[in-house]
Amino acid sequence: MKWLRWFFREWMKRCIRGFSMMIVLGPLFVFVLHANEERIDSLGEWLWALVAVLLPLLMGKWLWKLQFVDDGEIPAPPPTPAQLRQSRLAAVADTVSDLPGGIRFEELCLQLDEKQTRRLLRLLHQTRPGERHLREVLLKVDPP
């Protein structure tokens, strides 16, 4: 049964895509055929020409998404400030384990604000590479 639902869902997607392309490109096609035959004199013909030219432009992005973006594809949520701090500190520090007070690295990043993060990053950058242990920098900042 699962494959049958998948088949009909894919079939409906293709039908909708084909019909939407006809809706968008149909007026443009009629406009081009009409423009080759005679001049546009009436207001209705000018409005039809405007719709025929603007409709593909306005619906282009929507059609692009319909054609090339999978429905099951959900964009990743933006990272939280704690996750950004965690990635910035982990990129600079050599080790982020065995922190003082038994605190985990994720919990530390949740507790820090931007000013404290910058201070830690500055101290880590002032330490030579290979000796950049977050545990030691934290002991320098907040001695027990």
Protein backbone atom coordinates (compact mmCIF):
# COMPACT_ATOMS: atom_id res chain seq x y z
CA MET A 1 0.00 0.00 0.00
CA LYS A 2 2.87 2.36 0.73
CA TRP A 3 4.18 2.17 -2.83
CA LEU A 4 0.67 2.87 -4.16
CA ARG A 5 0.40 6.07 -2.11
CA TRP A 6 3.90 7.06 -3.29
CA PHE A 7 2.90 6.40 -6.92
CA PHE A 8 -0.24 8.55 -6.72
CA ARG A 9 1.59 11.33 -4.88
CA GLU A 10 4.29 11.44 -7.60
CA TRP A 11 1.65 11.25 -10.33
CA MET A 12 -0.26 14.18 -8.81
CA LYS A 13 2.96 16.22 -8.54
CA ARG A 14 3.63 15.68 -12.22
CA CYS A 15 0.04 16.59 -13.16
CA ILE A 16 0.16 19.76 -11.07
CA ARG A 17 3.53 20.74 -12.52
CA GLY A 18 2.34 20.25 -16.08
CA PHE A 19 -0.90 22.15 -15.50
CA SER A 20 0.88 25.02 -13.78
CA MET A 21 3.31 25.31 -16.68
CA MET A 22 0.32 25.55 -19.06
CA ILE A 23 -1.27 28.25 -16.89
CA VAL A 24 1.92 30.29 -16.80
CA LEU A 25 3.23 29.83 -20.31
CA GLY A 26 -0.17 29.66 -22.05
CA PRO A 27 -0.86 33.41 -21.95
CA LEU A 28 2.69 34.14 -23.11
CA PHE A 29 2.27 31.75 -26.04
CA VAL A 30 -1.07 33.36 -27.01
CA PHE A 31 0.47 36.81 -26.68
CA VAL A 32 3.35 35.94 -29.00
CA LEU A 33 1.00 34.45 -31.59
CA HIS A 34 -1.30 37.47 -31.37
CA ALA A 35 1.57 39.96 -31.54
CA ASN A 36 2.79 38.46 -34.80
CA GLU A 37 -0.58 38.95 -36.49
CA GLU A 38 -1.70 42.50 -35.66
CA ARG A 39 -1.18 45.59 -33.53
CA ILE A 40 -2.51 45.88 -30.02
CA ASP A 41 -5.12 48.64 -30.01
CA SER A 42 -7.62 48.05 -27.22
CA LEU A 43 -7.14 48.32 -23.45
CA GLY A 44 -8.15 44.67 -22.98
CA GLU A 45 -5.41 43.53 -25.32
CA TRP A 46 -2.85 45.64 -23.43
CA LEU A 47 -3.98 44.11 -20.14
CA TRP A 48 -3.76 40.64 -21.68
CA ALA A 49 -0.24 41.43 -22.89
CA LEU A 50 0.73 42.69 -19.43
CA VAL A 51 -0.60 39.53 -17.79
CA ALA A 52 1.12 37.37 -20.40
CA VAL A 53 4.48 38.96 -19.72
CA LEU A 54 4.25 39.39 -15.93
CA LEU A 55 2.69 36.05 -15.01
CA PRO A 56 5.75 33.95 -15.90
CA LEU A 57 7.98 36.42 -14.08
CA LEU A 58 5.86 36.47 -10.93
CA MET A 59 5.31 32.73 -10.76
CA GLY A 60 8.83 31.71 -11.78
CA LYS A 61 10.13 31.25 -8.25
CA TRP A 62 7.09 29.26 -7.20
CA LEU A 63 7.43 27.01 -10.24
CA TRP A 64 11.13 26.54 -9.62
CA LYS A 65 10.41 25.34 -6.10
CA LEU A 66 7.64 23.10 -7.36
CA GLN A 67 9.87 21.57 -10.01
CA PHE A 68 13.17 21.14 -8.20
CA VAL A 69 12.61 21.14 -4.43
CA ASP A 70 11.49 17.91 -2.84
CA ASP A 71 8.42 18.17 -0.62
CA GLY A 72 10.02 16.02 2.07
CA GLU A 73 13.07 18.25 2.23
CA ILE A 74 12.83 20.39 5.34
CA PRO A 75 15.39 23.17 5.66
CA ALA A 76 17.57 22.98 8.73
CA PRO A 77 16.64 25.42 11.46
CA PRO A 78 19.12 28.21 12.08
CA PRO A 79 21.60 27.47 14.85
CA THR A 80 20.88 28.82 18.31
CA PRO A 81 23.27 31.32 19.90
CA ALA A 82 24.54 28.55 22.23
CA GLN A 83 25.29 26.33 19.23
CA LEU A 84 27.16 29.18 17.55
CA ARG A 85 29.23 29.77 20.70
CA GLN A 86 29.88 26.04 20.94
CA SER A 87 31.16 25.85 17.37
CA ARG A 88 33.32 28.98 17.76
CA LEU A 89 34.94 27.72 20.96
CA ALA A 90 35.41 24.18 19.63
CA ALA A 91 37.11 25.55 16.50
CA VAL A 92 39.78 27.36 18.52
CA ALA A 93 40.30 25.14 21.58
CA ASP A 94 42.37 21.97 21.37
CA THR A 95 40.31 20.22 24.05
CA VAL A 96 36.91 21.05 25.50
CA SER A 97 36.57 18.11 27.89
CA ASP A 98 37.24 17.74 31.63
CA LEU A 99 35.99 21.23 32.47
CA PRO A 100 36.24 22.50 36.07
CA GLY A 101 33.28 21.87 38.33
CA GLY A 102 32.21 18.83 36.29
CA ILE A 103 30.25 21.00 33.87
CA ARG A 104 29.69 19.76 30.36
CA PHE A 105 30.76 21.82 27.34
CA GLU A 106 27.17 22.18 26.08
CA GLU A 107 26.01 23.47 29.48
CA LEU A 108 28.87 25.96 29.58
CA CYS A 109 27.90 27.32 26.17
CA LEU A 110 24.31 27.75 27.36
CA GLN A 111 25.50 29.76 30.37
CA LEU A 112 27.90 32.03 28.49
CA ASP A 113 26.88 35.32 26.95
CA GLU A 114 28.57 37.01 23.98
CA LYS A 115 30.96 39.11 26.08
CA GLN A 116 32.22 36.10 28.03
CA THR A 117 32.58 34.11 24.82
CA ARG A 118 34.73 36.83 23.25
CA ARG A 119 36.89 36.96 26.36
CA LEU A 120 37.43 33.18 26.28
CA LEU A 121 38.21 33.28 22.58
CA ARG A 122 40.72 36.10 23.08
CA LEU A 123 42.47 34.15 25.85
CA LEU A 124 42.48 31.00 23.72
CA HIS A 125 44.01 32.92 20.79
CA GLN A 126 46.72 34.33 23.07
CA THR A 127 47.77 30.80 24.01
CA ARG A 128 50.10 28.87 21.73
CA PRO A 129 48.54 26.24 19.47
CA GLY A 130 48.68 22.79 21.01
CA GLU A 131 48.21 24.26 24.49
CA ARG A 132 44.76 25.73 23.97
CA HIS A 133 42.78 23.75 26.53
CA LEU A 134 39.48 25.29 27.51
CA ARG A 135 39.83 23.81 30.99
CA GLU A 136 43.01 25.81 31.69
CA VAL A 137 41.61 29.03 30.27
CA LEU A 138 38.52 28.68 32.44
CA LEU A 139 40.74 28.21 35.50
CA LYS A 140 42.57 31.43 34.62
CA VAL A 141 39.32 33.37 34.24
CA ASP A 142 37.45 32.01 37.28
CA PRO A 143 39.83 30.44 39.77
CA PRO A 144 38.03 28.04 42.16
